[in-house]
Protein backbone atom coordinates (compact mmCIF):
# COMPACT_ATOMS: atom_id res chain seq x y z
CA MET A 1 142.69 -11.19 -24.17
CA ILE A 2 142.89 -10.45 -28.46
CA LYS A 3 138.61 -10.52 -29.81
CA PRO A 4 138.38 -9.72 -34.45
CA LEU A 5 136.38 -7.27 -34.50
CA SER A 6 133.26 -7.04 -36.65
CA LYS A 7 132.33 -5.61 -39.85
CA SER A 8 129.77 -3.84 -37.58
CA GLU A 9 132.70 -3.00 -35.06
CA ILE A 10 134.36 -2.03 -37.18
CA LYS A 11 132.58 0.39 -38.40
CA GLU A 12 132.05 2.06 -35.26
CA LEU A 13 135.55 2.09 -34.87
CA ASN A 14 135.89 3.74 -38.05
CA ARG A 15 132.18 5.75 -36.50
CA LYS A 16 134.75 7.06 -33.39
CA ILE A 17 137.53 7.92 -35.25
CA LYS A 18 135.23 9.82 -37.57
CA GLU A 19 134.19 12.17 -35.05
CA GLN A 20 137.27 11.71 -32.49
CA TYR A 21 139.75 13.32 -35.42
CA GLY A 22 138.17 13.75 -38.39
CA ILE A 23 139.14 10.75 -40.77
CA GLU A 24 137.60 8.50 -42.69
CA ASP A 25 137.12 4.92 -43.00
CA LEU A 26 140.48 4.53 -41.65
CA PHE A 27 139.74 0.62 -40.98
CA HIS A 28 138.18 -1.30 -44.10
CA LYS A 29 135.70 -4.48 -43.26
CA LYS A 30 138.92 -7.00 -45.00
CA ASP A 31 141.55 -5.55 -42.71
CA LYS A 32 142.85 -7.97 -39.92
CA ILE A 33 141.71 -5.84 -37.04
CA VAL A 34 141.16 -6.53 -33.58
CA LEU A 35 141.51 -5.50 -30.05
CA LYS A 36 143.60 -6.34 -27.41
CA LYS A 37 142.98 -6.13 -24.29
CA GLU A 38 145.88 -6.95 -21.56
CA ASN A 39 146.82 -5.82 -17.86
CA ASN A 40 143.80 -3.31 -18.23
CA GLU A 41 144.66 -2.11 -21.33
CA LYS A 42 142.80 -2.22 -24.24
CA SER A 43 144.23 -1.49 -27.89
CA ILE A 44 142.81 -1.92 -31.54
CA LEU A 45 144.88 -3.58 -33.96
CA LYS A 46 145.35 -4.25 -37.63
CA ASP A 47 147.74 -6.80 -39.10
CA ASN A 48 149.19 -7.44 -34.95
CA LYS A 49 150.38 -3.32 -35.14
CA GLU A 50 149.14 -1.49 -32.60
CA THR A 51 147.56 1.55 -34.55
CA PHE A 52 145.27 3.18 -31.36
CA PHE A 53 145.30 2.61 -27.57
CA TYR A 54 142.48 3.31 -24.68
CA SER A 55 142.67 6.07 -22.57
CA GLY A 56 139.65 6.04 -20.85
CA GLU A 57 136.92 6.10 -23.74
CA ASP A 58 139.58 8.51 -25.87
CA LEU A 59 141.30 7.12 -28.67
CA ILE A 60 144.76 7.94 -29.31
CA PRO A 61 146.40 6.87 -32.05
CA ASN A 62 150.07 5.35 -31.93
CA LEU A 63 153.32 7.54 -32.89
CA HIS A 64 153.83 4.50 -34.99
CA LEU A 65 150.49 5.71 -36.99
CA LEU A 66 151.65 9.49 -37.46
CA GLN A 67 154.03 9.02 -38.67
CA GLU A 68 152.57 7.01 -41.75
CA ASN A 69 149.23 9.92 -41.65
CA ASN A 70 149.76 12.42 -39.30
CA PHE A 71 146.61 13.44 -38.56
CA LEU A 72 146.52 15.64 -35.72
CA LYS A 73 147.20 19.13 -34.47
CA LYS A 74 150.72 19.68 -33.57
CA ILE A 75 153.03 21.55 -31.49
CA THR A 76 156.40 22.26 -31.42
CA VAL A 77 159.70 22.35 -29.97
CA ASP A 78 162.50 23.22 -29.68
CA MET A 79 165.85 20.51 -29.95
CA GLY A 80 166.94 21.45 -25.71
CA ALA A 81 162.98 19.43 -25.24
CA ILE A 82 163.18 16.33 -26.92
CA LYS A 83 165.24 14.37 -24.36
CA PHE A 84 162.39 15.20 -21.40
CA VAL A 85 159.94 14.63 -24.00
CA THR A 86 161.10 11.35 -25.11
CA ASN A 87 161.71 10.20 -21.71
CA GLY A 88 158.01 10.93 -20.58
CA ALA A 89 157.74 14.12 -19.58
CA ASP A 90 155.08 15.81 -20.00
CA VAL A 91 155.54 19.60 -21.99
CA MET A 92 156.23 22.21 -20.10
CA ARG A 93 155.73 25.78 -21.86
CA PRO A 94 158.97 27.81 -22.27
CA GLY A 95 159.58 24.41 -25.09
CA ILE A 96 157.24 24.72 -27.67
CA THR A 97 158.13 27.28 -30.71
CA LYS A 98 154.80 26.85 -32.47
CA ILE A 99 151.19 26.06 -31.49
CA ASP A 100 147.83 24.57 -33.77
CA GLU A 101 145.51 27.95 -33.38
CA THR A 102 142.84 25.33 -33.34
CA ILE A 103 143.64 23.20 -30.31
CA ARG A 104 141.14 23.35 -27.47
CA LYS A 105 141.96 21.81 -23.74
CA GLY A 106 141.19 17.98 -23.81
CA ASP A 107 142.01 18.14 -27.53
CA ILE A 108 145.07 14.83 -28.30
CA VAL A 109 147.92 16.39 -30.45
CA VAL A 110 150.84 14.69 -31.59
CA VAL A 111 153.92 16.72 -30.23
CA VAL A 112 156.67 17.51 -32.92
CA ASP A 113 160.63 19.03 -32.74
CA GLU A 114 161.56 22.34 -34.71
CA ILE A 115 164.35 20.84 -37.14
CA ASN A 116 162.51 17.56 -38.15
CA ASN A 117 159.13 17.74 -38.25
CA LYS A 118 158.84 13.82 -36.67
CA PRO A 119 156.52 13.04 -34.39
CA LEU A 120 157.55 12.88 -31.23
CA ALA A 121 155.11 12.23 -28.76
CA VAL A 122 151.01 12.44 -28.12
CA CYS A 123 149.61 14.57 -25.76
CA LYS A 124 146.69 15.73 -24.41
CA ALA A 125 145.89 19.66 -24.34
CA LEU A 126 145.67 20.77 -20.83
CA LEU A 127 144.94 24.45 -22.09
CA ASP A 128 142.89 26.49 -25.11
CA ALA A 129 145.65 27.17 -27.51
CA GLU A 130 145.22 30.96 -26.74
CA GLU A 131 146.17 30.47 -23.97
CA MET A 132 149.18 28.38 -24.25
CA LYS A 133 150.52 31.36 -26.24
CA GLU A 134 150.12 33.57 -23.25
CA GLN A 135 151.43 30.95 -21.11
CA THR A 136 155.49 31.72 -20.50
CA GLU A 137 155.66 28.47 -17.38
CA GLY A 138 154.21 25.42 -16.40
CA LYS A 139 152.25 22.43 -17.90
CA THR A 140 151.07 22.61 -21.29
CA LEU A 141 150.70 19.11 -22.32
CA GLU A 142 149.86 15.75 -20.79
CA ASN A 143 152.23 13.27 -22.08
CA LEU A 144 150.63 9.51 -23.24
CA HIS A 145 152.84 7.93 -25.50
CA TYR A 146 156.03 8.57 -26.87
CA VAL A 147 158.91 7.18 -29.13
CA GLY A 148 160.89 4.63 -26.94
CA ASP A 149 158.01 3.95 -24.37
CA LYS A 150 156.30 0.25 -24.43
CA ARG A 151 154.06 0.89 -27.31
CA TRP A 152 157.18 2.59 -29.46
CA LYS A 153 158.93 -0.93 -29.03
CA ASN A 154 156.06 -3.01 -29.07
CA SER A 155 153.99 -1.55 -31.77
């Protein structure tokens, strides 16, 4: 099902994005914004391209949107971690080389590689930045969307 959003729904969507990510007026009244529901999944499309998807009540940005304008906090991984992250694996502490100091548990973050600084995945932080720094092994981020997954290929 595809449902065009009204001006008031776009205004509410912008409010939610500002509250969650600090970005103002990402969508405009004249933009063609629709809500797509398919197989128990919901996403927001702008001009037929997915910009956000829902994970529970959270709005999660699509990697294509982040390649144009990254507004998320960053975690940098070494080159050895790339193949795992881009195959959907959660991010483990040994592969992390740099951590944004402002990350809090539950934040949605972008994972980038250490050489090209390109977005590889959108993840949910399982720990605060300080806890991540102290951690020496184990899972640090839950992978929600990555380069090569169905969202990547369909947008």
